[in-house]
């Protein structure tokens, strides 16, 4: 024999009466509509950090663009009795990686700043905030990859833009090829 299912016939009037009695006896468990306002300082700190990140990324793009422009403008110059201005096998991968990651970071950083200020005016930013959070995590990993790539490049004998410029920053050819500015901008000594 198959068991018969249990059926309950409850009158909703009795349940609402029970809930009202419990609420009046012990007080409500949660009072809706009387929540504390969310403090503004976390929003301001997040906006300041995002704005700082945006400005830092723009500065990095400017420095790397200037360094790569200095390189491309003076590449192939042959000095009399000395070597060429830049080697032909120069490793530009770390510089291009930092430039690419910086360029990719501009849009999510700017969007994060805008979203933080528009959150109170536009209630349905949940999906955008989630996309920005995922993009920020991916960009964080890319920044780590760029830093590791730069460190590996520094420890290899292969010539990269920064190493080559810093070794020649006191060179007499510095008037023609701006080794000093490329090194100073990227290292900050």
C-alpha atoms as a PDB file:
ATOM      1  CA  UNK A   1       0.000   0.000   0.000  1.00  0.00           C
ATOM      2  CA  UNK A   2       1.227   3.429  -0.869  1.00  0.00           C
ATOM      3  CA  UNK A   3       1.204   5.990   1.921  1.00  0.00           C
ATOM      4  CA  UNK A   4      -1.315   8.759   1.526  1.00  0.00           C
ATOM      5  CA  UNK A   5       0.049  12.285   1.503  1.00  0.00           C
ATOM      6  CA  UNK A   6      -0.642  14.463   4.505  1.00  0.00           C
ATOM      7  CA  UNK A   7      -2.982  17.326   3.777  1.00  0.00           C
ATOM      8  CA  UNK A   8      -3.285  20.399   5.925  1.00  0.00           C
ATOM      9  CA  UNK A   9      -6.183  22.742   5.605  1.00  0.00           C
ATOM     10  CA  UNK A  10      -5.228  25.922   7.402  1.00  0.00           C
ATOM     11  CA  UNK A  11      -7.364  28.952   7.642  1.00  0.00           C
ATOM     12  CA  UNK A  12      -5.170  32.005   6.975  1.00  0.00           C
ATOM     13  CA  UNK A  13      -7.240  34.086   9.395  1.00  0.00           C
ATOM     14  CA  UNK A  14      -5.981  31.970  12.266  1.00  0.00           C
ATOM     15  CA  UNK A  15      -2.346  32.306  11.164  1.00  0.00           C
ATOM     16  CA  UNK A  16      -2.518  36.087  10.859  1.00  0.00           C
ATOM     17  CA  UNK A  17      -4.164  36.237  14.280  1.00  0.00           C
ATOM     18  CA  UNK A  18      -1.326  34.143  15.756  1.00  0.00           C
ATOM     19  CA  UNK A  19       1.342  36.346  14.177  1.00  0.00           C
ATOM     20  CA  UNK A  20      -0.348  39.509  15.407  1.00  0.00           C
ATOM     21  CA  UNK A  21      -0.553  38.141  18.913  1.00  0.00           C
ATOM     22  CA  UNK A  22       3.122  37.143  18.914  1.00  0.00           C
ATOM     23  CA  UNK A  23       4.150  40.544  17.541  1.00  0.00           C
ATOM     24  CA  UNK A  24       2.213  42.335  20.239  1.00  0.00           C
ATOM     25  CA  UNK A  25       3.500  40.070  23.021  1.00  0.00           C
ATOM     26  CA  UNK A  26       7.209  39.909  22.212  1.00  0.00           C
ATOM     27  CA  UNK A  27       7.622  42.785  19.779  1.00  0.00           C
ATOM     28  CA  UNK A  28       8.516  42.401  16.115  1.00  0.00           C
ATOM     29  CA  UNK A  29      11.745  40.656  15.210  1.00  0.00           C
ATOM     30  CA  UNK A  30      12.619  43.084  12.400  1.00  0.00           C
ATOM     31  CA  UNK A  31      11.346  46.602  12.057  1.00  0.00           C
ATOM     32  CA  UNK A  32      11.136  47.561   8.436  1.00  0.00           C
ATOM     33  CA  UNK A  33      11.625  51.129   7.314  1.00  0.00           C
ATOM     34  CA  UNK A  34      13.675  52.162  10.338  1.00  0.00           C
ATOM     35  CA  UNK A  35      17.159  51.140   9.219  1.00  0.00           C
ATOM     36  CA  UNK A  36      20.193  53.286   9.856  1.00  0.00           C
ATOM     37  CA  UNK A  37      21.456  55.232   6.858  1.00  0.00           C
ATOM     38  CA  UNK A  38      24.591  53.834   5.264  1.00  0.00           C
ATOM     39  CA  UNK A  39      27.609  56.006   6.161  1.00  0.00           C
ATOM     40  CA  UNK A  40      29.068  58.087   3.357  1.00  0.00           C
ATOM     41  CA  UNK A  41      32.771  57.672   4.222  1.00  0.00           C
ATOM     42  CA  UNK A  42      33.234  54.238   2.542  1.00  0.00           C
ATOM     43  CA  UNK A  43      31.812  55.669  -0.678  1.00  0.00           C
ATOM     44  CA  UNK A  44      34.139  58.664  -0.464  1.00  0.00           C
ATOM     45  CA  UNK A  45      37.196  56.489   0.280  1.00  0.00           C
ATOM     46  CA  UNK A  46      36.349  54.168  -2.632  1.00  0.00           C
ATOM     47  CA  UNK A  47      35.860  57.143  -4.956  1.00  0.00           C
ATOM     48  CA  UNK A  48      39.178  58.672  -3.851  1.00  0.00           C
ATOM     49  CA  UNK A  49      41.029  55.373  -4.382  1.00  0.00           C
ATOM     50  CA  UNK A  50      39.467  54.871  -7.815  1.00  0.00           C
ATOM     51  CA  UNK A  51      40.293  58.450  -8.782  1.00  0.00           C
ATOM     52  CA  UNK A  52      43.879  57.985  -7.579  1.00  0.00           C
ATOM     53  CA  UNK A  53      44.159  54.744  -9.593  1.00  0.00           C
ATOM     54  CA  UNK A  54      42.818  56.517 -12.674  1.00  0.00           C
ATOM     55  CA  UNK A  55      45.330  59.359 -12.328  1.00  0.00           C
ATOM     56  CA  UNK A  56      48.201  56.918 -11.703  1.00  0.00           C
ATOM     57  CA  UNK A  57      47.298  54.898 -14.788  1.00  0.00           C
ATOM     58  CA  UNK A  58      47.133  58.030 -16.924  1.00  0.00           C
ATOM     59  CA  UNK A  59      50.578  59.053 -15.612  1.00  0.00           C
ATOM     60  CA  UNK A  60      51.989  55.585 -16.397  1.00  0.00           C
ATOM     61  CA  UNK A  61      50.597  55.766 -19.929  1.00  0.00           C
ATOM     62  CA  UNK A  62      52.182  59.187 -20.417  1.00  0.00           C
ATOM     63  CA  UNK A  63      55.590  58.071 -19.130  1.00  0.00           C
ATOM     64  CA  UNK A  64      55.648  54.880 -21.180  1.00  0.00           C
ATOM     65  CA  UNK A  65      54.417  56.665 -24.300  1.00  0.00           C
ATOM     66  CA  UNK A  66      57.197  59.245 -23.927  1.00  0.00           C
ATOM     67  CA  UNK A  67      59.812  56.522 -23.406  1.00  0.00           C
ATOM     68  CA  UNK A  68      58.645  54.544 -26.426  1.00  0.00           C
ATOM     69  CA  UNK A  69      58.491  57.726 -28.503  1.00  0.00           C
ATOM     70  CA  UNK A  70      62.072  58.559 -27.492  1.00  0.00           C
ATOM     71  CA  UNK A  71      63.087  55.057 -28.506  1.00  0.00           C
ATOM     72  CA  UNK A  72      61.309  55.047 -31.857  1.00  0.00           C
ATOM     73  CA  UNK A  73      62.484  58.554 -32.743  1.00  0.00           C
ATOM     74  CA  UNK A  74      66.166  57.748 -32.174  1.00  0.00           C
ATOM     75  CA  UNK A  75      66.254  54.098 -33.201  1.00  0.00           C
ATOM     76  CA  UNK A  76      68.864  53.279 -35.790  1.00  0.00           C
ATOM     77  CA  UNK A  77      71.170  56.253 -35.197  1.00  0.00           C
ATOM     78  CA  UNK A  78      74.796  55.223 -35.748  1.00  0.00           C
ATOM     79  CA  UNK A  79      77.388  57.169 -33.770  1.00  0.00           C
ATOM     80  CA  UNK A  80      80.868  57.632 -35.228  1.00  0.00           C
ATOM     81  CA  UNK A  81      83.293  55.233 -33.630  1.00  0.00           C
ATOM     82  CA  UNK A  82      80.660  54.000 -31.182  1.00  0.00           C
ATOM     83  CA  UNK A  83      77.742  51.639 -31.141  1.00  0.00           C
ATOM     84  CA  UNK A  84      74.258  52.291 -32.401  1.00  0.00           C
ATOM     85  CA  UNK A  85      71.743  54.230 -30.316  1.00  0.00           C
ATOM     86  CA  UNK A  86      69.513  51.230 -29.497  1.00  0.00           C
ATOM     87  CA  UNK A  87      70.227  47.560 -30.175  1.00  0.00           C
ATOM     88  CA  UNK A  88      68.191  45.831 -32.842  1.00  0.00           C
ATOM     89  CA  UNK A  89      67.261  42.970 -30.497  1.00  0.00           C
ATOM     90  CA  UNK A  90      65.883  45.240 -27.745  1.00  0.00           C
ATOM     91  CA  UNK A  91      63.170  43.539 -25.677  1.00  0.00           C
ATOM     92  CA  UNK A  92      60.177  45.897 -25.607  1.00  0.00           C
ATOM     93  CA  UNK A  93      57.758  43.307 -24.232  1.00  0.00           C
ATOM     94  CA  UNK A  94      57.751  44.630 -20.610  1.00  0.00           C
ATOM     95  CA  UNK A  95      57.134  48.205 -21.783  1.00  0.00           C
ATOM     96  CA  UNK A  96      54.340  47.152 -24.129  1.00  0.00           C
ATOM     97  CA  UNK A  97      52.801  44.968 -21.405  1.00  0.00           C
ATOM     98  CA  UNK A  98      52.698  47.879 -18.933  1.00  0.00           C
ATOM     99  CA  UNK A  99      51.299  50.162 -21.624  1.00  0.00           C
ATOM    100  CA  UNK A 100      48.579  47.664 -22.581  1.00  0.00           C
ATOM    101  CA  UNK A 101      47.550  46.936 -18.986  1.00  0.00           C
ATOM    102  CA  UNK A 102      47.486  50.668 -18.227  1.00  0.00           C
ATOM    103  CA  UNK A 103      45.356  51.378 -21.275  1.00  0.00           C
ATOM    104  CA  UNK A 104      42.969  48.560 -20.336  1.00  0.00           C
ATOM    105  CA  UNK A 105      42.699  49.940 -16.795  1.00  0.00           C
ATOM    106  CA  UNK A 106      41.557  53.425 -17.829  1.00  0.00           C
ATOM    107  CA  UNK A 107      38.005  52.470 -18.811  1.00  0.00           C
ATOM    108  CA  UNK A 108      37.078  50.382 -15.723  1.00  0.00           C
ATOM    109  CA  UNK A 109      38.692  52.957 -13.401  1.00  0.00           C
ATOM    110  CA  UNK A 110      36.765  55.821 -14.981  1.00  0.00           C
ATOM    111  CA  UNK A 111      33.565  53.755 -14.954  1.00  0.00           C
ATOM    112  CA  UNK A 112      34.060  52.895 -11.275  1.00  0.00           C
ATOM    113  CA  UNK A 113      34.401  56.551 -10.352  1.00  0.00           C
ATOM    114  CA  UNK A 114      31.262  57.405 -12.327  1.00  0.00           C
ATOM    115  CA  UNK A 115      29.274  54.501 -10.846  1.00  0.00           C
ATOM    116  CA  UNK A 116      30.240  55.466  -7.303  1.00  0.00           C
ATOM    117  CA  UNK A 117      28.843  58.961  -7.806  1.00  0.00           C
ATOM    118  CA  UNK A 118      25.746  57.879  -9.756  1.00  0.00           C
ATOM    119  CA  UNK A 119      24.778  54.947  -7.495  1.00  0.00           C
ATOM    120  CA  UNK A 120      22.257  56.967  -5.491  1.00  0.00           C
ATOM    121  CA  UNK A 121      20.587  58.389  -8.634  1.00  0.00           C
ATOM    122  CA  UNK A 122      20.367  55.170 -10.661  1.00  0.00           C
ATOM    123  CA  UNK A 123      19.079  52.231  -8.592  1.00  0.00           C
ATOM    124  CA  UNK A 124      19.779  49.419 -11.095  1.00  0.00           C
ATOM    125  CA  UNK A 125      23.592  49.436 -11.284  1.00  0.00           C
ATOM    126  CA  UNK A 126      24.008  45.937  -9.847  1.00  0.00           C
ATOM    127  CA  UNK A 127      25.056  44.265 -13.102  1.00  0.00           C
ATOM    128  CA  UNK A 128      27.428  47.094 -13.997  1.00  0.00           C
ATOM    129  CA  UNK A 129      29.024  46.917 -10.548  1.00  0.00           C
ATOM    130  CA  UNK A 130      29.498  43.151 -10.923  1.00  0.00           C
ATOM    131  CA  UNK A 131      31.104  43.571 -14.351  1.00  0.00           C
ATOM    132  CA  UNK A 132      33.420  46.253 -12.960  1.00  0.00           C
ATOM    133  CA  UNK A 133      34.365  43.996 -10.033  1.00  0.00           C
ATOM    134  CA  UNK A 134      35.263  41.132 -12.391  1.00  0.00           C
ATOM    135  CA  UNK A 135      37.183  43.515 -14.674  1.00  0.00           C
ATOM    136  CA  UNK A 136      39.089  44.879 -11.676  1.00  0.00           C
ATOM    137  CA  UNK A 137      40.088  41.369 -10.602  1.00  0.00           C
ATOM    138  CA  UNK A 138      41.268  40.486 -14.112  1.00  0.00           C
ATOM    139  CA  UNK A 139      43.232  43.734 -14.372  1.00  0.00           C
ATOM    140  CA  UNK A 140      44.804  43.100 -10.966  1.00  0.00           C
ATOM    141  CA  UNK A 141      46.093  39.756 -12.261  1.00  0.00           C
ATOM    142  CA  UNK A 142      47.366  41.455 -15.434  1.00  0.00           C
ATOM    143  CA  UNK A 143      49.232  44.041 -13.335  1.00  0.00           C
ATOM    144  CA  UNK A 144      50.901  41.220 -11.405  1.00  0.00           C
ATOM    145  CA  UNK A 145      51.868  39.556 -14.706  1.00  0.00           C
ATOM    146  CA  UNK A 146      53.308  42.856 -15.980  1.00  0.00           C
ATOM    147  CA  UNK A 147      55.367  43.354 -12.807  1.00  0.00           C
ATOM    148  CA  UNK A 148      56.645  39.754 -12.905  1.00  0.00           C
ATOM    149  CA  UNK A 149      57.509  40.166 -16.588  1.00  0.00           C
ATOM    150  CA  UNK A 150      59.469  43.330 -15.790  1.00  0.00           C
ATOM    151  CA  UNK A 151      61.338  41.614 -12.926  1.00  0.00           C
ATOM    152  CA  UNK A 152      62.187  38.603 -15.086  1.00  0.00           C
ATOM    153  CA  UNK A 153      63.376  40.937 -17.819  1.00  0.00           C
ATOM    154  CA  UNK A 154      65.642  42.749 -15.339  1.00  0.00           C
ATOM    155  CA  UNK A 155      67.274  39.462 -14.322  1.00  0.00           C
ATOM    156  CA  UNK A 156      67.960  38.200 -17.840  1.00  0.00           C
ATOM    157  CA  UNK A 157      70.915  39.166 -19.989  1.00  0.00           C
ATOM    158  CA  UNK A 158      68.597  40.198 -22.816  1.00  0.00           C
ATOM    159  CA  UNK A 159      68.503  43.961 -23.316  1.00  0.00           C
ATOM    160  CA  UNK A 160      65.311  45.824 -22.543  1.00  0.00           C
ATOM    161  CA  UNK A 161      64.466  49.500 -22.922  1.00  0.00           C
ATOM    162  CA  UNK A 162      64.922  50.385 -19.259  1.00  0.00           C
ATOM    163  CA  UNK A 163      68.200  48.503 -18.750  1.00  0.00           C
ATOM    164  CA  UNK A 164      69.740  49.883 -21.926  1.00  0.00           C
ATOM    165  CA  UNK A 165      68.733  53.473 -21.135  1.00  0.00           C
ATOM    166  CA  UNK A 166      69.906  53.338 -17.515  1.00  0.00           C
ATOM    167  CA  UNK A 167      73.311  51.936 -18.474  1.00  0.00           C
ATOM    168  CA  UNK A 168      73.824  54.809 -20.908  1.00  0.00           C
ATOM    169  CA  UNK A 169      72.296  57.703 -19.003  1.00  0.00           C
ATOM    170  CA  UNK A 170      75.756  59.251 -18.416  1.00  0.00           C
ATOM    171  CA  UNK A 171      76.780  58.689 -22.038  1.00  0.00           C
ATOM    172  CA  UNK A 172      78.103  61.617 -24.101  1.00  0.00           C
ATOM    173  CA  UNK A 173      75.473  60.714 -26.707  1.00  0.00           C
ATOM    174  CA  UNK A 174      72.753  61.616 -24.199  1.00  0.00           C
ATOM    175  CA  UNK A 175      72.301  64.936 -26.017  1.00  0.00           C
ATOM    176  CA  UNK A 176      71.119  63.076 -29.102  1.00  0.00           C
ATOM    177  CA  UNK A 177      69.384  60.081 -27.500  1.00  0.00           C
ATOM    178  CA  UNK A 178      67.599  60.899 -24.256  1.00  0.00           C
ATOM    179  CA  UNK A 179      68.733  57.848 -22.263  1.00  0.00           C
ATOM    180  CA  UNK A 180      68.720  59.888 -19.068  1.00  0.00           C
ATOM    181  CA  UNK A 181      65.060  60.943 -19.354  1.00  0.00           C
ATOM    182  CA  UNK A 182      63.895  57.427 -20.261  1.00  0.00           C
ATOM    183  CA  UNK A 183      65.721  55.997 -17.240  1.00  0.00           C
ATOM    184  CA  UNK A 184      64.681  58.767 -14.842  1.00  0.00           C
ATOM    185  CA  UNK A 185      61.014  58.649 -15.832  1.00  0.00           C
ATOM    186  CA  UNK A 186      60.717  54.913 -15.360  1.00  0.00           C
ATOM    187  CA  UNK A 187      62.971  54.416 -12.345  1.00  0.00           C
ATOM    188  CA  UNK A 188      62.666  57.767 -10.596  1.00  0.00           C
ATOM    189  CA  UNK A 189      66.176  57.894  -9.118  1.00  0.00           C
END
